[in-house]
Amino acid sequence: MTRTRYEVLPDGDQWIVREGKKSTPPLDTKELAVAAAIRRAQEAAPSEVVVVQEDGSLEHAGTFGDG
């Protein structure tokens, strides 16, 4: 089974959560965006959350469910 991937991305001075071609409205902090991504990922398991840092590097924030 394929994992749904949620990406937390910088958007100017805010952050968004993107899944495929859909994204959330901008959130004020990275922490809020990561929490939103994890909440969505837990509901859509199997899934994963990846944070794209401002410098473009990747940080794995979690894998949820079997897959």
PDB file of N, CA and C in Angstrom:
ATOM      1  N   MET A   1       0.831  -1.171   0.000  1.00  0.00           N
ATOM      2  CA  MET A   1       0.000   0.000   0.000  1.00  0.00           C
ATOM      3  C   MET A   1       0.885   1.247   0.000  1.00  0.00           C
ATOM      4  N   THR A   2       0.510   2.241  -0.747  1.00  0.00           N
ATOM      5  CA  THR A   2       1.281   3.473  -0.851  1.00  0.00           C
ATOM      6  C   THR A   2       0.988   4.388   0.327  1.00  0.00           C
ATOM      7  N   ARG A   3       2.026   4.999   0.847  1.00  0.00           N
ATOM      8  CA  ARG A   3       1.864   5.958   1.948  1.00  0.00           C
ATOM      9  C   ARG A   3       1.478   7.325   1.386  1.00  0.00           C
ATOM     10  N   THR A   4       0.551   7.991   2.050  1.00  0.00           N
ATOM     11  CA  THR A   4       0.241   9.377   1.729  1.00  0.00           C
ATOM     12  C   THR A   4       1.331  10.233   2.354  1.00  0.00           C
ATOM     13  N   ARG A   5       1.884  11.158   1.573  1.00  0.00           N
ATOM     14  CA  ARG A   5       2.983  11.990   2.060  1.00  0.00           C
ATOM     15  C   ARG A   5       2.474  13.412   2.309  1.00  0.00           C
ATOM     16  N   TYR A   6       2.678  13.875   3.515  1.00  0.00           N
ATOM     17  CA  TYR A   6       2.352  15.252   3.894  1.00  0.00           C
ATOM     18  C   TYR A   6       3.664  16.004   4.043  1.00  0.00           C
ATOM     19  N   GLU A   7       3.788  17.105   3.319  1.00  0.00           N
ATOM     20  CA  GLU A   7       5.002  17.908   3.368  1.00  0.00           C
ATOM     21  C   GLU A   7       4.703  19.239   4.053  1.00  0.00           C
ATOM     22  N   VAL A   8       5.537  19.600   5.007  1.00  0.00           N
ATOM     23  CA  VAL A   8       5.461  20.897   5.667  1.00  0.00           C
ATOM     24  C   VAL A   8       6.496  21.775   4.980  1.00  0.00           C
ATOM     25  N   LEU A   9       6.030  22.898   4.418  1.00  0.00           N
ATOM     26  CA  LEU A   9       6.894  23.737   3.590  1.00  0.00           C
ATOM     27  C   LEU A   9       6.850  25.194   4.034  1.00  0.00           C
ATOM     28  N   PRO A  10       8.001  25.885   3.960  1.00  0.00           N
ATOM     29  CA  PRO A  10       7.974  27.323   4.224  1.00  0.00           C
ATOM     30  C   PRO A  10       7.226  28.043   3.101  1.00  0.00           C
ATOM     31  N   ASP A  11       6.495  29.096   3.474  1.00  0.00           N
ATOM     32  CA  ASP A  11       5.742  29.908   2.518  1.00  0.00           C
ATOM     33  C   ASP A  11       5.913  31.360   2.938  1.00  0.00           C
ATOM     34  N   GLY A  12       6.993  31.965   2.474  1.00  0.00           N
ATOM     35  CA  GLY A  12       7.331  33.303   2.966  1.00  0.00           C
ATOM     36  C   GLY A  12       7.718  33.204   4.427  1.00  0.00           C
ATOM     37  N   ASP A  13       7.035  33.979   5.279  1.00  0.00           N
ATOM     38  CA  ASP A  13       7.330  33.901   6.712  1.00  0.00           C
ATOM     39  C   ASP A  13       6.327  32.997   7.436  1.00  0.00           C
ATOM     40  N   GLN A  14       5.570  32.211   6.689  1.00  0.00           N
ATOM     41  CA  GLN A  14       4.618  31.264   7.253  1.00  0.00           C
ATOM     42  C   GLN A  14       4.924  29.859   6.733  1.00  0.00           C
ATOM     43  N   TRP A  15       4.053  28.899   7.072  1.00  0.00           N
ATOM     44  CA  TRP A  15       4.257  27.498   6.699  1.00  0.00           C
ATOM     45  C   TRP A  15       2.955  26.910   6.176  1.00  0.00           C
ATOM     46  N   ILE A  16       3.054  25.976   5.223  1.00  0.00           N
ATOM     47  CA  ILE A  16       1.878  25.280   4.711  1.00  0.00           C
ATOM     48  C   ILE A  16       2.098  23.769   4.818  1.00  0.00           C
ATOM     49  N   VAL A  17       1.001  23.029   4.756  1.00  0.00           N
ATOM     50  CA  VAL A  17       1.043  21.572   4.684  1.00  0.00           C
ATOM     51  C   VAL A  17       0.512  21.199   3.304  1.00  0.00           C
ATOM     52  N   ARG A  18       1.293  20.437   2.558  1.00  0.00           N
ATOM     53  CA  ARG A  18       0.882  20.035   1.216  1.00  0.00           C
ATOM     54  C   ARG A  18       0.769  18.520   1.137  1.00  0.00           C
ATOM     55  N   GLU A  19      -0.306  18.075   0.485  1.00  0.00           N
ATOM     56  CA  GLU A  19      -0.514  16.657   0.194  1.00  0.00           C
ATOM     57  C   GLU A  19      -0.928  16.595  -1.267  1.00  0.00           C
ATOM     58  N   GLY A  20      -0.018  16.085  -2.084  1.00  0.00           N
ATOM     59  CA  GLY A  20      -0.270  16.082  -3.520  1.00  0.00           C
ATOM     60  C   GLY A  20      -0.344  17.501  -4.038  1.00  0.00           C
ATOM     61  N   LYS A  21      -1.449  17.840  -4.697  1.00  0.00           N
ATOM     62  CA  LYS A  21      -1.620  19.193  -5.233  1.00  0.00           C
ATOM     63  C   LYS A  21      -2.424  20.093  -4.301  1.00  0.00           C
ATOM     64  N   LYS A  22      -2.851  19.560  -3.160  1.00  0.00           N
ATOM     65  CA  LYS A  22      -3.646  20.328  -2.202  1.00  0.00           C
ATOM     66  C   LYS A  22      -2.755  20.846  -1.079  1.00  0.00           C
ATOM     67  N   SER A  23      -3.075  22.036  -0.582  1.00  0.00           N
ATOM     68  CA  SER A  23      -2.331  22.556   0.556  1.00  0.00           C
ATOM     69  C   SER A  23      -3.257  23.343   1.474  1.00  0.00           C
ATOM     70  N   THR A  24      -2.816  23.480   2.712  1.00  0.00           N
ATOM     71  CA  THR A  24      -3.568  24.229   3.707  1.00  0.00           C
ATOM     72  C   THR A  24      -3.354  25.723   3.482  1.00  0.00           C
ATOM     73  N   PRO A  25      -4.214  26.535   4.072  1.00  0.00           N
ATOM     74  CA  PRO A  25      -3.894  27.966   4.138  1.00  0.00           C
ATOM     75  C   PRO A  25      -2.615  28.125   4.965  1.00  0.00           C
ATOM     76  N   PRO A  26      -1.886  29.213   4.755  1.00  0.00           N
ATOM     77  CA  PRO A  26      -0.653  29.414   5.523  1.00  0.00           C
ATOM     78  C   PRO A  26      -0.904  29.440   7.030  1.00  0.00           C
ATOM     79  N   LEU A  27       0.023  28.815   7.761  1.00  0.00           N
ATOM     80  CA  LEU A  27      -0.017  28.790   9.228  1.00  0.00           C
ATOM     81  C   LEU A  27       1.125  29.645   9.756  1.00  0.00           C
ATOM     82  N   ASP A  28       0.942  30.226  10.934  1.00  0.00           N
ATOM     83  CA  ASP A  28       1.902  31.198  11.451  1.00  0.00           C
ATOM     84  C   ASP A  28       3.260  30.621  11.832  1.00  0.00           C
ATOM     85  N   THR A  29       3.302  29.360  12.290  1.00  0.00           N
ATOM     86  CA  THR A  29       4.577  28.796  12.737  1.00  0.00           C
ATOM     87  C   THR A  29       4.797  27.400  12.162  1.00  0.00           C
ATOM     88  N   LYS A  30       6.042  27.021  12.135  1.00  0.00           N
ATOM     89  CA  LYS A  30       6.409  25.668  11.705  1.00  0.00           C
ATOM     90  C   LYS A  30       5.777  24.638  12.638  1.00  0.00           C
ATOM     91  N   GLU A  31       5.765  24.927  13.932  1.00  0.00           N
ATOM     92  CA  GLU A  31       5.215  23.992  14.908  1.00  0.00           C
ATOM     93  C   GLU A  31       3.734  23.724  14.652  1.00  0.00           C
ATOM     94  N   LEU A  32       2.963  24.778  14.343  1.00  0.00           N
ATOM     95  CA  LEU A  32       1.542  24.594  14.023  1.00  0.00           C
ATOM     96  C   LEU A  32       1.372  23.749  12.769  1.00  0.00           C
ATOM     97  N   ALA A  33       2.215  23.998  11.771  1.00  0.00           N
ATOM     98  CA  ALA A  33       2.126  23.248  10.513  1.00  0.00           C
ATOM     99  C   ALA A  33       2.479  21.778  10.728  1.00  0.00           C
ATOM    100  N   VAL A  34       3.516  21.505  11.508  1.00  0.00           N
ATOM    101  CA  VAL A  34       3.907  20.117  11.782  1.00  0.00           C
ATOM    102  C   VAL A  34       2.787  19.411  12.544  1.00  0.00           C
ATOM    103  N   ALA A  35       2.200  20.074  13.534  1.00  0.00           N
ATOM    104  CA  ALA A  35       1.103  19.471  14.295  1.00  0.00           C
ATOM    105  C   ALA A  35      -0.086  19.168  13.383  1.00  0.00           C
ATOM    106  N   ALA A  36      -0.408  20.083  12.477  1.00  0.00           N
ATOM    107  CA  ALA A  36      -1.514  19.866  11.538  1.00  0.00           C
ATOM    108  C   ALA A  36      -1.204  18.697  10.613  1.00  0.00           C
ATOM    109  N   ALA A  37       0.039  18.623  10.134  1.00  0.00           N
ATOM    110  CA  ALA A  37       0.429  17.535   9.236  1.00  0.00           C
ATOM    111  C   ALA A  37       0.364  16.188   9.950  1.00  0.00           C
ATOM    112  N   ILE A  38       0.835  16.131  11.178  1.00  0.00           N
ATOM    113  CA  ILE A  38       0.805  14.880  11.935  1.00  0.00           C
ATOM    114  C   ILE A  38      -0.638  14.450  12.190  1.00  0.00           C
ATOM    115  N   ARG A  39      -1.494  15.386  12.550  1.00  0.00           N
ATOM    116  CA  ARG A  39      -2.907  15.067  12.782  1.00  0.00           C
ATOM    117  C   ARG A  39      -3.538  14.479  11.525  1.00  0.00           C
ATOM    118  N   ARG A  40      -3.291  15.103  10.385  1.00  0.00           N
ATOM    119  CA  ARG A  40      -3.831  14.590   9.118  1.00  0.00           C
ATOM    120  C   ARG A  40      -3.246  13.229   8.776  1.00  0.00           C
ATOM    121  N   ALA A  41      -1.944  13.079   8.994  1.00  0.00           N
ATOM    122  CA  ALA A  41      -1.277  11.821   8.664  1.00  0.00           C
ATOM    123  C   ALA A  41      -1.805  10.669   9.516  1.00  0.00           C
ATOM    124  N   GLN A  42      -2.058  10.931  10.785  1.00  0.00           N
ATOM    125  CA  GLN A  42      -2.588   9.889  11.655  1.00  0.00           C
ATOM    126  C   GLN A  42      -3.970   9.435  11.191  1.00  0.00           C
ATOM    127  N   GLU A  43      -4.756  10.361  10.677  1.00  0.00           N
ATOM    128  CA  GLU A  43      -6.099  10.033  10.194  1.00  0.00           C
ATOM    129  C   GLU A  43      -6.071   9.318   8.849  1.00  0.00           C
ATOM    130  N   ALA A  44      -4.982   9.478   8.097  1.00  0.00           N
ATOM    131  CA  ALA A  44      -4.906   8.931   6.736  1.00  0.00           C
ATOM    132  C   ALA A  44      -3.867   7.824   6.612  1.00  0.00           C
ATOM    133  N   ALA A  45      -3.535   7.166   7.717  1.00  0.00           N
ATOM    134  CA  ALA A  45      -2.518   6.120   7.687  1.00  0.00           C
ATOM    135  C   ALA A  45      -2.877   5.042   6.660  1.00  0.00           C
ATOM    136  N   PRO A  46      -1.898   4.465   5.979  1.00  0.00           N
ATOM    137  CA  PRO A  46      -0.461   4.676   6.142  1.00  0.00           C
ATOM    138  C   PRO A  46      -0.020   5.992   5.489  1.00  0.00           C
ATOM    139  N   SER A  47       0.816   6.709   6.212  1.00  0.00           N
ATOM    140  CA  SER A  47       1.242   8.022   5.745  1.00  0.00           C
ATOM    141  C   SER A  47       2.570   8.397   6.389  1.00  0.00           C
ATOM    142  N   GLU A  48       3.107   9.511   5.908  1.00  0.00           N
ATOM    143  CA  GLU A  48       4.349  10.028   6.487  1.00  0.00           C
ATOM    144  C   GLU A  48       4.323  11.543   6.436  1.00  0.00           C
ATOM    145  N   VAL A  49       5.098  12.160   7.336  1.00  0.00           N
ATOM    146  CA  VAL A  49       5.240  13.606   7.373  1.00  0.00           C
ATOM    147  C   VAL A  49       6.707  13.932   7.166  1.00  0.00           C
ATOM    148  N   VAL A  50       6.951  14.837   6.221  1.00  0.00           N
ATOM    149  CA  VAL A  50       8.303  15.303   5.934  1.00  0.00           C
ATOM    150  C   VAL A  50       8.296  16.821   6.015  1.00  0.00           C
ATOM    151  N   VAL A  51       9.278  17.393   6.709  1.00  0.00           N
ATOM    152  CA  VAL A  51       9.412  18.839   6.824  1.00  0.00           C
ATOM    153  C   VAL A  51      10.529  19.291   5.898  1.00  0.00           C
ATOM    154  N   VAL A  52      10.215  20.235   5.018  1.00  0.00           N
ATOM    155  CA  VAL A  52      11.223  20.834   4.147  1.00  0.00           C
ATOM    156  C   VAL A  52      11.698  22.103   4.849  1.00  0.00           C
ATOM    157  N   GLN A  53      12.961  22.105   5.257  1.00  0.00           N
ATOM    158  CA  GLN A  53      13.524  23.249   5.966  1.00  0.00           C
ATOM    159  C   GLN A  53      13.667  24.441   5.031  1.00  0.00           C
ATOM    160  N   GLU A  54      13.866  25.600   5.593  1.00  0.00           N
ATOM    161  CA  GLU A  54      14.030  26.811   4.788  1.00  0.00           C
ATOM    162  C   GLU A  54      15.234  26.718   3.856  1.00  0.00           C
ATOM    163  N   ASP A  55      16.239  25.912   4.216  1.00  0.00           N
ATOM    164  CA  ASP A  55      17.419  25.751   3.352  1.00  0.00           C
ATOM    165  C   ASP A  55      17.230  24.628   2.324  1.00  0.00           C
ATOM    166  N   GLY A  56      16.035  24.000   2.314  1.00  0.00           N
ATOM    167  CA  GLY A  56      15.742  22.944   1.352  1.00  0.00           C
ATOM    168  C   GLY A  56      16.034  21.537   1.846  1.00  0.00           C
ATOM    169  N   SER A  57      16.698  21.416   2.984  1.00  0.00           N
ATOM    170  CA  SER A  57      16.980  20.082   3.513  1.00  0.00           C
ATOM    171  C   SER A  57      15.692  19.460   4.064  1.00  0.00           C
ATOM    172  N   LEU A  58      15.687  18.127   4.145  1.00  0.00           N
ATOM    173  CA  LEU A  58      14.504  17.398   4.594  1.00  0.00           C
ATOM    174  C   LEU A  58      14.683  16.889   6.013  1.00  0.00           C
ATOM    175  N   GLU A  59      13.595  16.929   6.758  1.00  0.00           N
ATOM    176  CA  GLU A  59      13.554  16.390   8.111  1.00  0.00           C
ATOM    177  C   GLU A  59      12.341  15.465   8.171  1.00  0.00           C
ATOM    178  N   HIS A  60      12.554  14.220   8.540  1.00  0.00           N
ATOM    179  CA  HIS A  60      11.453  13.254   8.632  1.00  0.00           C
ATOM    180  C   HIS A  60      10.784  13.431   9.977  1.00  0.00           C
ATOM    181  N   ALA A  61       9.480  13.721   9.991  1.00  0.00           N
ATOM    182  CA  ALA A  61       8.772  13.980  11.240  1.00  0.00           C
ATOM    183  C   ALA A  61       7.962  12.793  11.720  1.00  0.00           C
ATOM    184  N   GLY A  62       7.777  11.780  10.865  1.00  0.00           N
ATOM    185  CA  GLY A  62       7.056  10.613  11.365  1.00  0.00           C
ATOM    186  C   GLY A  62       6.421   9.782  10.282  1.00  0.00           C
ATOM    187  N   THR A  63       6.243   8.499  10.597  1.00  0.00           N
ATOM    188  CA  THR A  63       5.555   7.541   9.731  1.00  0.00           C
ATOM    189  C   THR A  63       4.409   6.964  10.551  1.00  0.00           C
ATOM    190  N   PHE A  64       3.237   6.842   9.927  1.00  0.00           N
ATOM    191  CA  PHE A  64       2.040   6.432  10.647  1.00  0.00           C
ATOM    192  C   PHE A  64       1.363   5.267   9.930  1.00  0.00           C
ATOM    193  N   GLY A  65       0.995   4.250  10.686  1.00  0.00           N
ATOM    194  CA  GLY A  65       0.317   3.084  10.136  1.00  0.00           C
ATOM    195  C   GLY A  65       1.258   2.137   9.436  1.00  0.00           C
ATOM    196  N   ASP A  66       0.734   0.968   9.110  1.00  0.00           N
ATOM    197  CA  ASP A  66       1.506  -0.039   8.386  1.00  0.00           C
ATOM    198  C   ASP A  66       1.407   0.252   6.896  1.00  0.00           C
ATOM    199  N   GLY A  67       2.419  -0.107   6.175  1.00  0.00           N
ATOM    200  CA  GLY A  67       2.337   0.131   4.746  1.00  0.00           C
ATOM    201  C   GLY A  67       3.509  -0.282   3.990  1.00  0.00           C
TER     202      GLY A  67
END
